[in-house]
N, C-alpha and C. Protein backbone atom coordinates (compact mmCIF):
# COMPACT_ATOMS: atom_id res chain seq x y z
N MET A 1 84.02 -4.31 71.29
CA MET A 1 83.26 -3.12 70.96
C MET A 1 82.74 -3.17 69.54
N LYS A 2 83.58 -3.67 68.62
CA LYS A 2 83.16 -3.76 67.22
C LYS A 2 82.00 -4.73 67.07
N LYS A 3 81.99 -5.80 67.83
CA LYS A 3 80.91 -6.78 67.75
C LYS A 3 79.60 -6.19 68.25
N ILE A 4 79.67 -5.40 69.31
CA ILE A 4 78.46 -4.76 69.84
C ILE A 4 77.92 -3.74 68.85
N LEU A 5 78.82 -2.94 68.28
CA LEU A 5 78.40 -1.94 67.29
C LEU A 5 77.80 -2.61 66.05
N LEU A 6 78.40 -3.70 65.59
CA LEU A 6 77.87 -4.44 64.45
C LEU A 6 76.50 -5.04 64.77
N ALA A 7 76.33 -5.54 65.97
CA ALA A 7 75.03 -6.10 66.38
C ALA A 7 73.96 -5.02 66.42
N ILE A 8 74.30 -3.83 66.90
CA ILE A 8 73.33 -2.72 66.95
C ILE A 8 72.94 -2.29 65.54
N VAL A 9 73.92 -2.15 64.65
CA VAL A 9 73.64 -1.75 63.27
C VAL A 9 72.77 -2.79 62.57
N CYS A 10 73.08 -4.07 62.74
CA CYS A 10 72.29 -5.14 62.10
C CYS A 10 70.87 -5.18 62.64
N SER A 11 70.71 -4.98 63.95
CA SER A 11 69.35 -4.99 64.51
C SER A 11 68.56 -3.77 64.06
N ALA A 12 69.23 -2.63 63.89
CA ALA A 12 68.53 -1.43 63.40
C ALA A 12 68.05 -1.65 61.97
N PHE A 13 68.88 -2.24 61.11
CA PHE A 13 68.45 -2.52 59.75
C PHE A 13 67.34 -3.55 59.70
N THR A 14 67.37 -4.51 60.61
CA THR A 14 66.31 -5.51 60.66
C THR A 14 64.99 -4.87 61.04
N VAL A 15 65.00 -3.95 61.99
CA VAL A 15 63.78 -3.29 62.42
C VAL A 15 63.27 -2.35 61.34
N LEU A 16 64.18 -1.64 60.64
CA LEU A 16 63.77 -0.65 59.65
C LEU A 16 63.44 -1.24 58.29
N SER A 17 63.80 -2.48 58.03
CA SER A 17 63.54 -3.04 56.71
C SER A 17 62.06 -3.35 56.55
N ALA A 18 61.58 -3.27 55.32
CA ALA A 18 60.17 -3.50 55.04
C ALA A 18 59.96 -4.94 54.60
N SER A 19 58.78 -5.45 54.84
CA SER A 19 58.45 -6.81 54.42
C SER A 19 57.05 -6.81 53.84
N ALA A 20 56.60 -7.98 53.43
CA ALA A 20 55.27 -8.10 52.85
C ALA A 20 54.18 -7.97 53.90
N GLN A 21 54.54 -7.94 55.17
CA GLN A 21 53.54 -7.84 56.24
C GLN A 21 53.49 -6.45 56.86
N ASP A 22 53.87 -5.41 56.14
CA ASP A 22 53.78 -4.04 56.62
C ASP A 22 52.48 -3.41 56.16
N LYS A 23 52.07 -2.36 56.88
CA LYS A 23 50.93 -1.57 56.43
C LYS A 23 51.37 -0.82 55.19
N LYS A 24 50.46 -0.67 54.23
CA LYS A 24 50.85 -0.10 52.95
C LYS A 24 49.87 0.96 52.48
N PHE A 25 50.41 1.94 51.80
CA PHE A 25 49.66 2.96 51.08
C PHE A 25 49.63 2.51 49.63
N THR A 26 48.44 2.41 49.02
CA THR A 26 48.34 1.87 47.66
C THR A 26 47.89 2.95 46.67
N LEU A 27 48.48 2.91 45.48
CA LEU A 27 48.11 3.78 44.36
C LEU A 27 47.96 2.90 43.13
N ASN A 28 46.79 2.94 42.48
CA ASN A 28 46.54 2.12 41.29
C ASN A 28 45.83 2.97 40.24
N ALA A 29 46.05 2.63 38.99
CA ALA A 29 45.35 3.28 37.88
C ALA A 29 45.23 2.29 36.73
N GLY A 30 44.17 2.45 35.93
CA GLY A 30 44.01 1.54 34.81
C GLY A 30 42.74 1.80 34.03
N PHE A 31 42.40 0.82 33.20
CA PHE A 31 41.23 0.90 32.34
C PHE A 31 40.22 -0.17 32.72
N LEU A 32 38.96 0.22 32.71
CA LEU A 32 37.86 -0.72 32.96
C LEU A 32 36.94 -0.69 31.75
N PHE A 33 36.27 -1.80 31.52
CA PHE A 33 35.27 -1.87 30.46
C PHE A 33 33.93 -1.46 31.05
N PRO A 34 33.10 -0.69 30.46
CA PRO A 34 33.17 -0.08 29.13
C PRO A 34 33.74 1.33 29.18
N GLN A 35 34.78 1.58 28.43
CA GLN A 35 35.39 2.89 28.19
C GLN A 35 35.55 3.72 29.46
N THR A 36 36.30 3.20 30.42
CA THR A 36 36.42 3.86 31.71
C THR A 36 37.89 3.97 32.13
N LEU A 37 38.28 5.16 32.53
CA LEU A 37 39.57 5.39 33.19
C LEU A 37 39.33 5.34 34.69
N ASN A 38 40.24 4.74 35.44
CA ASN A 38 40.02 4.56 36.87
C ASN A 38 41.32 4.83 37.63
N ALA A 39 41.21 5.50 38.78
CA ALA A 39 42.35 5.71 39.68
C ALA A 39 41.89 5.38 41.10
N MET A 40 42.75 4.69 41.84
CA MET A 40 42.37 4.23 43.16
C MET A 40 43.50 4.52 44.15
N ILE A 41 43.12 4.92 45.37
CA ILE A 41 44.06 5.17 46.46
C ILE A 41 43.53 4.41 47.67
N GLY A 42 44.42 3.81 48.46
CA GLY A 42 43.94 3.02 49.57
C GLY A 42 44.96 2.78 50.65
N TYR A 43 44.50 2.10 51.69
CA TYR A 43 45.31 1.70 52.83
C TYR A 43 45.13 0.20 53.03
N GLU A 44 46.23 -0.54 53.02
CA GLU A 44 46.16 -1.99 53.19
C GLU A 44 46.72 -2.39 54.55
N HIS A 45 45.92 -3.13 55.30
CA HIS A 45 46.33 -3.61 56.62
C HIS A 45 46.56 -5.12 56.53
N PRO A 46 47.77 -5.58 56.84
CA PRO A 46 48.05 -7.01 56.73
C PRO A 46 47.42 -7.82 57.85
N MET A 47 47.12 -9.06 57.55
CA MET A 47 46.61 -10.02 58.53
C MET A 47 47.50 -11.26 58.47
N SER A 48 47.15 -12.28 59.17
CA SER A 48 47.99 -13.48 59.21
C SER A 48 47.90 -14.26 57.90
N TYR A 49 48.95 -15.03 57.63
CA TYR A 49 49.05 -15.94 56.48
C TYR A 49 48.96 -15.24 55.13
N GLY A 50 49.36 -13.99 55.05
CA GLY A 50 49.37 -13.28 53.78
C GLY A 50 48.04 -12.67 53.39
N ASN A 51 47.02 -12.80 54.21
CA ASN A 51 45.73 -12.16 53.94
C ASN A 51 45.81 -10.69 54.32
N ALA A 52 44.88 -9.89 53.84
CA ALA A 52 44.90 -8.46 54.13
C ALA A 52 43.50 -7.87 53.98
N VAL A 53 43.33 -6.68 54.53
CA VAL A 53 42.11 -5.89 54.37
C VAL A 53 42.52 -4.55 53.80
N GLU A 54 41.77 -4.05 52.82
CA GLU A 54 42.09 -2.76 52.21
C GLU A 54 40.86 -1.86 52.25
N ILE A 55 41.08 -0.62 52.67
CA ILE A 55 40.07 0.43 52.59
C ILE A 55 40.51 1.33 51.45
N TYR A 56 39.63 1.60 50.52
CA TYR A 56 40.04 2.36 49.33
C TYR A 56 38.99 3.38 48.92
N GLY A 57 39.44 4.31 48.12
CA GLY A 57 38.58 5.27 47.45
C GLY A 57 39.03 5.35 46.01
N GLU A 58 38.10 5.51 45.10
CA GLU A 58 38.48 5.60 43.70
C GLU A 58 37.60 6.59 42.96
N ILE A 59 38.16 7.05 41.86
CA ILE A 59 37.43 7.96 40.98
C ILE A 59 37.64 7.46 39.56
N GLY A 60 36.63 7.61 38.75
CA GLY A 60 36.73 7.15 37.38
C GLY A 60 35.92 8.03 36.44
N ASN A 61 36.09 7.77 35.17
CA ASN A 61 35.40 8.56 34.16
C ASN A 61 35.07 7.68 32.96
N HIS A 62 33.81 7.69 32.57
CA HIS A 62 33.39 7.04 31.32
C HIS A 62 33.51 8.09 30.23
N TRP A 63 34.37 7.85 29.26
CA TRP A 63 34.47 8.85 28.21
C TRP A 63 33.47 8.54 27.11
N GLN A 64 32.93 9.61 26.55
CA GLN A 64 31.98 9.48 25.45
C GLN A 64 32.62 10.02 24.18
N LYS A 65 32.07 9.63 23.06
CA LYS A 65 32.58 10.10 21.78
C LYS A 65 31.62 11.11 21.20
N PRO A 66 32.05 12.21 20.67
CA PRO A 66 33.43 12.70 20.64
C PRO A 66 33.88 13.16 22.02
N THR A 67 35.15 13.00 22.30
CA THR A 67 35.68 13.27 23.64
C THR A 67 36.00 14.73 23.89
N SER A 68 35.92 15.58 22.90
CA SER A 68 36.38 16.96 23.04
C SER A 68 35.68 17.72 24.15
N SER A 69 34.36 17.76 24.18
CA SER A 69 33.67 18.59 25.16
C SER A 69 32.96 17.78 26.24
N ARG A 70 32.83 16.46 26.06
CA ARG A 70 32.06 15.67 27.01
C ARG A 70 32.90 14.67 27.78
N PHE A 71 34.20 14.91 27.88
CA PHE A 71 35.07 13.92 28.51
C PHE A 71 34.74 13.70 29.98
N TRP A 72 34.50 14.78 30.75
CA TRP A 72 34.26 14.66 32.19
C TRP A 72 32.78 14.55 32.53
N LYS A 73 31.91 14.26 31.59
CA LYS A 73 30.48 14.15 31.87
C LYS A 73 30.10 12.84 32.56
N GLY A 74 30.92 11.79 32.42
CA GLY A 74 30.54 10.48 32.95
C GLY A 74 31.36 10.04 34.15
N TYR A 75 31.71 10.98 35.03
CA TYR A 75 32.57 10.62 36.15
C TYR A 75 31.79 9.87 37.24
N TYR A 76 32.53 9.16 38.08
CA TYR A 76 31.96 8.52 39.26
C TYR A 76 33.03 8.49 40.35
N TRP A 77 32.61 8.31 41.57
CA TRP A 77 33.52 8.08 42.67
C TRP A 77 32.91 7.00 43.54
N ASP A 78 33.75 6.26 44.21
CA ASP A 78 33.25 5.26 45.16
C ASP A 78 34.33 4.90 46.15
N GLY A 79 33.96 4.15 47.13
CA GLY A 79 34.87 3.69 48.17
C GLY A 79 34.39 2.35 48.69
N GLY A 80 35.25 1.66 49.38
CA GLY A 80 34.83 0.37 49.89
C GLY A 80 35.87 -0.28 50.77
N LEU A 81 35.54 -1.49 51.18
CA LEU A 81 36.37 -2.32 52.02
C LEU A 81 36.51 -3.67 51.33
N VAL A 82 37.75 -4.11 51.13
CA VAL A 82 38.00 -5.36 50.42
C VAL A 82 38.82 -6.30 51.31
N TYR A 83 38.36 -7.53 51.40
CA TYR A 83 39.13 -8.58 52.07
C TYR A 83 39.93 -9.30 50.99
N LYS A 84 41.23 -9.49 51.23
CA LYS A 84 42.11 -10.13 50.25
C LYS A 84 42.59 -11.46 50.83
N HIS A 85 42.12 -12.53 50.24
CA HIS A 85 42.49 -13.88 50.69
C HIS A 85 43.63 -14.39 49.83
N ARG A 86 44.70 -14.82 50.47
CA ARG A 86 45.87 -15.32 49.74
C ARG A 86 45.56 -16.68 49.13
N LEU A 87 45.78 -16.79 47.82
CA LEU A 87 45.61 -18.07 47.12
C LEU A 87 46.93 -18.80 46.97
N VAL A 88 47.97 -18.08 46.50
CA VAL A 88 49.27 -18.69 46.23
C VAL A 88 50.35 -17.72 46.70
N ARG A 89 51.39 -18.26 47.31
CA ARG A 89 52.55 -17.46 47.71
C ARG A 89 53.76 -17.91 46.91
N TYR A 90 54.42 -16.98 46.25
CA TYR A 90 55.63 -17.25 45.49
C TYR A 90 56.83 -16.72 46.26
N LYS A 91 58.03 -16.85 45.68
CA LYS A 91 59.23 -16.38 46.37
C LYS A 91 59.14 -14.89 46.68
N ASN A 92 58.83 -14.07 45.69
CA ASN A 92 58.72 -12.62 45.88
C ASN A 92 57.34 -12.10 45.50
N GLY A 93 56.36 -12.95 45.36
CA GLY A 93 55.05 -12.51 44.93
C GLY A 93 53.93 -13.25 45.64
N MET A 94 52.72 -12.78 45.36
CA MET A 94 51.55 -13.35 45.99
C MET A 94 50.33 -13.13 45.09
N LEU A 95 49.49 -14.14 44.99
CA LEU A 95 48.22 -14.04 44.27
C LEU A 95 47.11 -14.08 45.29
N ARG A 96 46.22 -13.08 45.24
CA ARG A 96 45.13 -12.98 46.21
C ARG A 96 43.80 -12.85 45.50
N PHE A 97 42.74 -13.30 46.17
CA PHE A 97 41.37 -13.10 45.73
C PHE A 97 40.80 -11.94 46.52
N ARG A 98 40.18 -10.97 45.83
CA ARG A 98 39.62 -9.76 46.46
C ARG A 98 38.11 -9.84 46.46
N LEU A 99 37.49 -9.49 47.58
CA LEU A 99 36.02 -9.49 47.67
C LEU A 99 35.58 -8.50 48.72
N GLY A 100 34.59 -7.66 48.38
CA GLY A 100 34.08 -6.72 49.36
C GLY A 100 33.02 -5.80 48.82
N PRO A 101 32.33 -5.10 49.72
CA PRO A 101 31.28 -4.14 49.33
C PRO A 101 31.87 -2.80 48.93
N GLN A 102 31.09 -2.03 48.19
CA GLN A 102 31.47 -0.67 47.82
C GLN A 102 30.24 0.21 47.76
N PHE A 103 30.46 1.51 47.81
CA PHE A 103 29.38 2.48 47.70
C PHE A 103 29.93 3.70 46.99
N GLY A 104 29.06 4.49 46.40
CA GLY A 104 29.54 5.68 45.71
C GLY A 104 28.43 6.41 45.00
N ALA A 105 28.83 7.26 44.06
CA ALA A 105 27.87 8.06 43.32
C ALA A 105 28.38 8.26 41.90
N THR A 106 27.43 8.38 40.99
CA THR A 106 27.74 8.71 39.61
C THR A 106 26.66 9.64 39.09
N GLN A 107 27.04 10.82 38.67
CA GLN A 107 26.13 11.81 38.09
C GLN A 107 24.90 12.01 38.96
N LYS A 108 25.12 12.27 40.26
CA LYS A 108 24.07 12.56 41.24
C LYS A 108 23.17 11.36 41.54
N LYS A 109 23.60 10.15 41.24
CA LYS A 109 22.87 8.94 41.57
C LYS A 109 23.76 8.08 42.46
N PHE A 110 23.27 7.74 43.64
CA PHE A 110 24.06 6.92 44.56
C PHE A 110 23.89 5.45 44.23
N PHE A 111 24.91 4.65 44.56
CA PHE A 111 24.83 3.22 44.31
C PHE A 111 25.56 2.45 45.40
N ILE A 112 25.22 1.18 45.51
CA ILE A 112 25.96 0.23 46.32
C ILE A 112 26.37 -0.89 45.39
N GLY A 113 27.38 -1.62 45.77
CA GLY A 113 27.85 -2.66 44.86
C GLY A 113 28.73 -3.67 45.54
N LEU A 114 29.26 -4.55 44.73
CA LEU A 114 30.13 -5.62 45.18
C LEU A 114 31.33 -5.67 44.25
N GLU A 115 32.51 -5.79 44.84
CA GLU A 115 33.73 -5.91 44.04
C GLU A 115 34.35 -7.28 44.28
N ALA A 116 34.79 -7.91 43.22
CA ALA A 116 35.51 -9.19 43.30
C ALA A 116 36.58 -9.18 42.23
N GLY A 117 37.62 -9.95 42.44
CA GLY A 117 38.69 -10.01 41.44
C GLY A 117 39.93 -10.65 42.01
N PHE A 118 41.02 -10.50 41.28
CA PHE A 118 42.30 -11.07 41.66
C PHE A 118 43.36 -9.99 41.72
N GLU A 119 44.37 -10.22 42.53
CA GLU A 119 45.48 -9.28 42.66
C GLU A 119 46.78 -10.05 42.73
N TYR A 120 47.72 -9.68 41.88
CA TYR A 120 49.07 -10.23 41.94
C TYR A 120 50.00 -9.13 42.41
N SER A 121 50.80 -9.42 43.42
CA SER A 121 51.76 -8.45 43.96
C SER A 121 53.16 -9.03 43.90
N TYR A 122 54.11 -8.21 43.49
CA TYR A 122 55.52 -8.58 43.47
C TYR A 122 56.25 -7.64 44.41
N VAL A 123 57.00 -8.16 45.36
CA VAL A 123 57.71 -7.37 46.36
C VAL A 123 59.15 -7.14 45.91
N PHE A 124 59.58 -5.87 45.91
CA PHE A 124 60.96 -5.53 45.61
C PHE A 124 61.80 -5.55 46.89
N GLN A 125 63.10 -5.46 46.77
CA GLN A 125 63.99 -5.51 47.93
C GLN A 125 63.75 -4.39 48.92
N ASN A 126 63.36 -3.21 48.44
CA ASN A 126 63.16 -2.08 49.34
C ASN A 126 61.79 -2.12 50.03
N GLY A 127 60.97 -3.14 49.76
CA GLY A 127 59.67 -3.26 50.41
C GLY A 127 58.51 -2.75 49.57
N TRP A 128 58.79 -1.98 48.55
CA TRP A 128 57.72 -1.52 47.67
C TRP A 128 57.17 -2.72 46.90
N GLU A 129 55.91 -2.64 46.51
CA GLU A 129 55.30 -3.73 45.75
C GLU A 129 54.71 -3.20 44.46
N PHE A 130 54.84 -3.98 43.42
CA PHE A 130 54.14 -3.74 42.16
C PHE A 130 52.88 -4.60 42.20
N SER A 131 51.74 -4.05 41.82
CA SER A 131 50.51 -4.83 41.86
C SER A 131 49.78 -4.75 40.52
N LEU A 132 49.22 -5.87 40.14
CA LEU A 132 48.37 -6.00 38.97
C LEU A 132 47.02 -6.50 39.47
N ILE A 133 45.98 -5.70 39.28
CA ILE A 133 44.66 -6.01 39.83
C ILE A 133 43.68 -6.22 38.70
N GLN A 134 43.00 -7.35 38.72
CA GLN A 134 41.87 -7.61 37.82
C GLN A 134 40.64 -7.46 38.69
N LYS A 135 39.77 -6.51 38.35
CA LYS A 135 38.62 -6.25 39.20
C LYS A 135 37.33 -6.34 38.42
N ASN A 136 36.30 -6.79 39.10
CA ASN A 136 34.95 -6.87 38.57
C ASN A 136 34.02 -6.19 39.56
N ASN A 137 33.27 -5.20 39.11
CA ASN A 137 32.31 -4.50 39.95
C ASN A 137 30.90 -4.78 39.45
N VAL A 138 30.02 -5.08 40.37
CA VAL A 138 28.59 -5.19 40.08
C VAL A 138 27.92 -4.16 40.96
N ASN A 139 27.25 -3.18 40.34
CA ASN A 139 26.64 -2.08 41.07
C ASN A 139 25.12 -2.13 40.93
N PHE A 140 24.45 -1.66 41.96
CA PHE A 140 22.99 -1.66 42.00
C PHE A 140 22.47 -0.24 42.15
N LEU A 141 21.26 0.01 41.78
CA LEU A 141 20.51 1.25 41.97
C LEU A 141 20.83 2.34 40.94
N HIS A 142 21.50 2.02 39.86
CA HIS A 142 21.69 2.99 38.78
C HIS A 142 22.09 2.24 37.51
N GLY A 143 22.28 2.96 36.42
CA GLY A 143 22.49 2.34 35.13
C GLY A 143 23.87 1.75 34.87
N ASP A 144 24.88 2.13 35.65
CA ASP A 144 26.24 1.64 35.45
C ASP A 144 26.41 0.34 36.24
N ASN A 145 25.87 -0.76 35.72
CA ASN A 145 25.80 -2.00 36.49
C ASN A 145 27.10 -2.78 36.57
N PHE A 146 27.84 -2.89 35.46
CA PHE A 146 29.02 -3.74 35.43
C PHE A 146 30.25 -2.94 34.99
N ARG A 147 31.35 -3.18 35.69
CA ARG A 147 32.65 -2.63 35.28
C ARG A 147 33.68 -3.73 35.56
N ASN A 148 34.54 -3.99 34.61
CA ASN A 148 35.64 -4.92 34.84
C ASN A 148 36.85 -4.48 34.02
N GLY A 149 38.04 -4.79 34.53
CA GLY A 149 39.24 -4.38 33.83
C GLY A 149 40.50 -4.62 34.64
N LEU A 150 41.58 -3.96 34.23
CA LEU A 150 42.90 -4.14 34.83
C LEU A 150 43.42 -2.82 35.39
N LEU A 151 44.07 -2.89 36.54
CA LEU A 151 44.73 -1.76 37.16
C LEU A 151 46.18 -2.13 37.45
N LEU A 152 47.08 -1.18 37.26
CA LEU A 152 48.48 -1.33 37.63
C LEU A 152 48.77 -0.35 38.77
N GLY A 153 49.64 -0.76 39.70
CA GLY A 153 49.89 0.15 40.79
C GLY A 153 51.09 -0.21 41.62
N VAL A 154 51.30 0.58 42.66
CA VAL A 154 52.37 0.36 43.62
C VAL A 154 51.79 0.39 45.03
N LYS A 155 52.48 -0.31 45.92
CA LYS A 155 52.16 -0.30 47.34
C LYS A 155 53.41 0.16 48.07
N ILE A 156 53.25 1.19 48.90
CA ILE A 156 54.38 1.79 49.59
C ILE A 156 54.24 1.49 51.08
N PRO A 157 55.19 0.77 51.68
CA PRO A 157 55.08 0.47 53.11
C PRO A 157 55.40 1.70 53.96
N PHE A 158 54.75 1.74 55.12
CA PHE A 158 55.08 2.80 56.08
C PHE A 158 55.01 2.27 57.49
């Protein structure tokens, strides 16, 4: 009886434990050049061999000087779909190349664009991931053509 109970408990923990191949809810924030604060929320769907697809939405703000009354004058929002190709797999981490289209608006001007960059993820024992994202955005149809910078974030499996 003890062996059967132990087998049931072990199989339950195996099923409930998180891995790098789970669907994830992502939260990231950071700084982009030129003078931009950025926050991103997304859903990551895993694929084979460590590759993944992410659907995301983000909001950002270009701050102007002086910042007292014009801080929220340069906001933007956008969303997109990113394919993440695995470049290197480490013991508890992974380096991926990110590439995909995006669309959004800034100050009543719509734009389309392309995002490319790199992402390093480190997986903790509980399944949560720490991510460091280097992103480059090239946007068309308005004056905010280039944005690049670093984002820090977490990925929560569900």
